[in-house]
């Protein structure tokens, strides 16, 4: 973790302002001084880096027990289709498994009402979107 990342992480953890003034995000929304919007924004470079960082954690965790773990495995040499972010050729009962990460922010305006009533509804919406 870089010094700048450490400072931002510490500010988030302690609830200290990150920005001196509110600024506008590339998506058009306002980022308040605490930077909360940036943690769940679907626009900009952070969206992909958040996903990739979590995929790396999953990959390295699974690699500790299984040396044959693969990242971004394609279905076949002739296909560019990638059914998951992390692939284990041998998982439960000797069968292969693909792990596909999808990140949803339950505080996003599209999920807040349903998330307050039904825990896990943002994750379920992501699952439905992936399968469709």
Protein backbone atom coordinates (compact mmCIF):
# COMPACT_ATOMS: atom_id res chain seq x y z
CA UNK A 1 0.00 0.00 0.00
CA UNK A 2 1.39 3.38 -0.98
CA UNK A 3 1.62 6.21 1.58
CA UNK A 4 -1.23 8.04 -0.17
CA UNK A 5 -3.45 4.92 -0.10
CA UNK A 6 -2.65 4.46 3.60
CA UNK A 7 -3.65 8.06 4.38
CA UNK A 8 -6.94 7.74 2.47
CA UNK A 9 -7.69 4.39 4.16
CA UNK A 10 -6.99 5.89 7.57
CA UNK A 11 -9.22 8.89 6.82
CA UNK A 12 -12.05 6.60 5.73
CA UNK A 13 -11.66 4.43 8.82
CA UNK A 14 -11.57 7.41 11.20
CA UNK A 15 -14.26 9.42 9.39
CA UNK A 16 -11.89 12.30 8.64
CA UNK A 17 -12.34 14.52 5.57
CA UNK A 18 -10.34 13.44 2.54
CA UNK A 19 -11.11 16.45 0.33
CA UNK A 20 -11.06 20.11 1.39
CA UNK A 21 -14.13 20.88 -0.74
CA UNK A 22 -16.76 18.87 -2.55
CA UNK A 23 -15.69 17.94 -6.07
CA UNK A 24 -17.52 16.56 -9.10
CA UNK A 25 -16.97 12.92 -10.12
CA UNK A 26 -16.53 11.90 -13.76
CA UNK A 27 -20.05 10.40 -13.55
CA UNK A 28 -21.47 13.86 -12.76
CA UNK A 29 -22.31 13.29 -9.08
CA UNK A 30 -20.84 15.33 -6.25
CA UNK A 31 -18.13 13.74 -4.11
CA UNK A 32 -18.40 15.05 -0.56
CA UNK A 33 -15.34 15.77 1.56
CA UNK A 34 -15.43 12.23 3.01
CA UNK A 35 -15.17 10.60 -0.42
CA UNK A 36 -18.03 8.15 0.17
CA UNK A 37 -19.23 8.35 -3.42
CA UNK A 38 -15.90 7.11 -4.80
CA UNK A 39 -16.22 3.80 -2.91
CA UNK A 40 -19.22 2.71 -4.93
CA UNK A 41 -19.19 4.74 -8.13
CA UNK A 42 -19.76 2.67 -11.25
CA UNK A 43 -17.80 5.11 -13.41
CA UNK A 44 -14.14 5.85 -13.71
CA UNK A 45 -11.01 3.79 -13.15
CA UNK A 46 -11.75 2.79 -9.54
CA UNK A 47 -14.57 0.45 -10.57
CA UNK A 48 -12.23 -1.90 -12.43
CA UNK A 49 -9.37 -1.59 -9.95
CA UNK A 50 -11.71 -2.48 -7.04
CA UNK A 51 -12.87 -5.58 -8.92
CA UNK A 52 -9.35 -6.62 -9.93
CA UNK A 53 -7.99 -6.15 -6.40
CA UNK A 54 -10.68 -8.44 -4.97
CA UNK A 55 -10.03 -11.00 -7.73
CA UNK A 56 -6.33 -10.94 -6.84
CA UNK A 57 -7.11 -11.57 -3.16
CA UNK A 58 -9.37 -14.51 -4.08
CA UNK A 59 -6.81 -15.90 -6.52
CA UNK A 60 -3.93 -15.73 -4.03
CA UNK A 61 -6.06 -17.19 -1.23
CA UNK A 62 -7.14 -20.15 -3.36
CA UNK A 63 -3.61 -20.58 -4.77
CA UNK A 64 -2.27 -21.35 -1.30
CA UNK A 65 -4.07 -24.71 -1.36
CA UNK A 66 -4.18 -25.36 -5.09
CA UNK A 67 -1.14 -24.62 -7.26
CA UNK A 68 -3.21 -25.13 -10.42
CA UNK A 69 -5.44 -22.11 -9.80
CA UNK A 70 -5.77 -19.85 -12.86
CA UNK A 71 -6.79 -16.22 -13.27
CA UNK A 72 -8.97 -15.18 -16.24
CA UNK A 73 -9.07 -18.70 -17.68
CA UNK A 74 -10.66 -19.03 -21.15
CA UNK A 75 -13.01 -21.91 -21.99
CA UNK A 76 -10.86 -23.17 -24.86
CA UNK A 77 -7.93 -22.01 -27.02
CA UNK A 78 -10.40 -21.16 -29.81
CA UNK A 79 -12.64 -19.04 -27.56
CA UNK A 80 -12.15 -15.74 -25.75
CA UNK A 81 -15.09 -16.55 -23.45
CA UNK A 82 -14.16 -16.29 -19.76
CA UNK A 83 -16.86 -17.74 -17.48
CA UNK A 84 -15.11 -16.57 -14.34
CA UNK A 85 -12.34 -14.51 -12.80
CA UNK A 86 -10.65 -17.42 -11.02
CA UNK A 87 -10.62 -21.07 -12.14
CA UNK A 88 -9.82 -24.16 -10.10
CA UNK A 89 -9.53 -27.30 -12.24
CA UNK A 90 -10.12 -29.44 -9.13
CA UNK A 91 -12.49 -28.20 -6.43
CA UNK A 92 -15.22 -30.04 -4.52
CA UNK A 93 -15.51 -33.76 -5.33
CA UNK A 94 -12.75 -33.34 -7.92
CA UNK A 95 -14.92 -31.15 -10.14
CA UNK A 96 -13.72 -27.84 -11.63
CA UNK A 97 -15.04 -24.48 -10.43
CA UNK A 98 -15.14 -20.95 -11.79
CA UNK A 99 -15.44 -17.98 -9.42
CA UNK A 100 -16.84 -14.81 -10.93
CA UNK A 101 -16.80 -11.69 -8.76
CA UNK A 102 -19.44 -9.03 -9.13
CA UNK A 103 -19.39 -5.96 -6.90
CA UNK A 104 -22.59 -4.21 -5.88
CA UNK A 105 -22.95 -1.25 -3.54
CA UNK A 106 -26.07 -1.77 -1.43
CA UNK A 107 -26.09 1.99 -0.73
CA UNK A 108 -26.50 2.80 -4.44
CA UNK A 109 -29.83 4.54 -5.07
CA UNK A 110 -31.00 1.60 -7.20
CA UNK A 111 -30.68 -0.81 -4.24
CA UNK A 112 -31.20 1.17 -1.01
CA UNK A 113 -34.93 0.59 -0.47
CA UNK A 114 -34.86 -3.12 -1.24
CA UNK A 115 -31.56 -3.63 0.65
CA UNK A 116 -33.11 -2.12 3.78
CA UNK A 117 -35.98 -4.63 3.60
CA UNK A 118 -34.21 -7.68 2.21
CA UNK A 119 -30.51 -8.22 3.02
CA UNK A 120 -28.53 -9.53 0.06
CA UNK A 121 -30.88 -8.09 -2.55
CA UNK A 122 -28.13 -6.06 -4.23
CA UNK A 123 -26.03 -9.22 -4.58
CA UNK A 124 -29.04 -11.12 -5.93
CA UNK A 125 -29.62 -8.37 -8.53
CA UNK A 126 -25.98 -8.75 -9.62
CA UNK A 127 -26.38 -12.53 -9.89
CA UNK A 128 -29.50 -12.16 -12.03
CA UNK A 129 -27.72 -9.65 -14.26
CA UNK A 130 -24.70 -11.96 -14.71
CA UNK A 131 -26.80 -15.01 -15.58
CA UNK A 132 -29.11 -13.16 -18.00
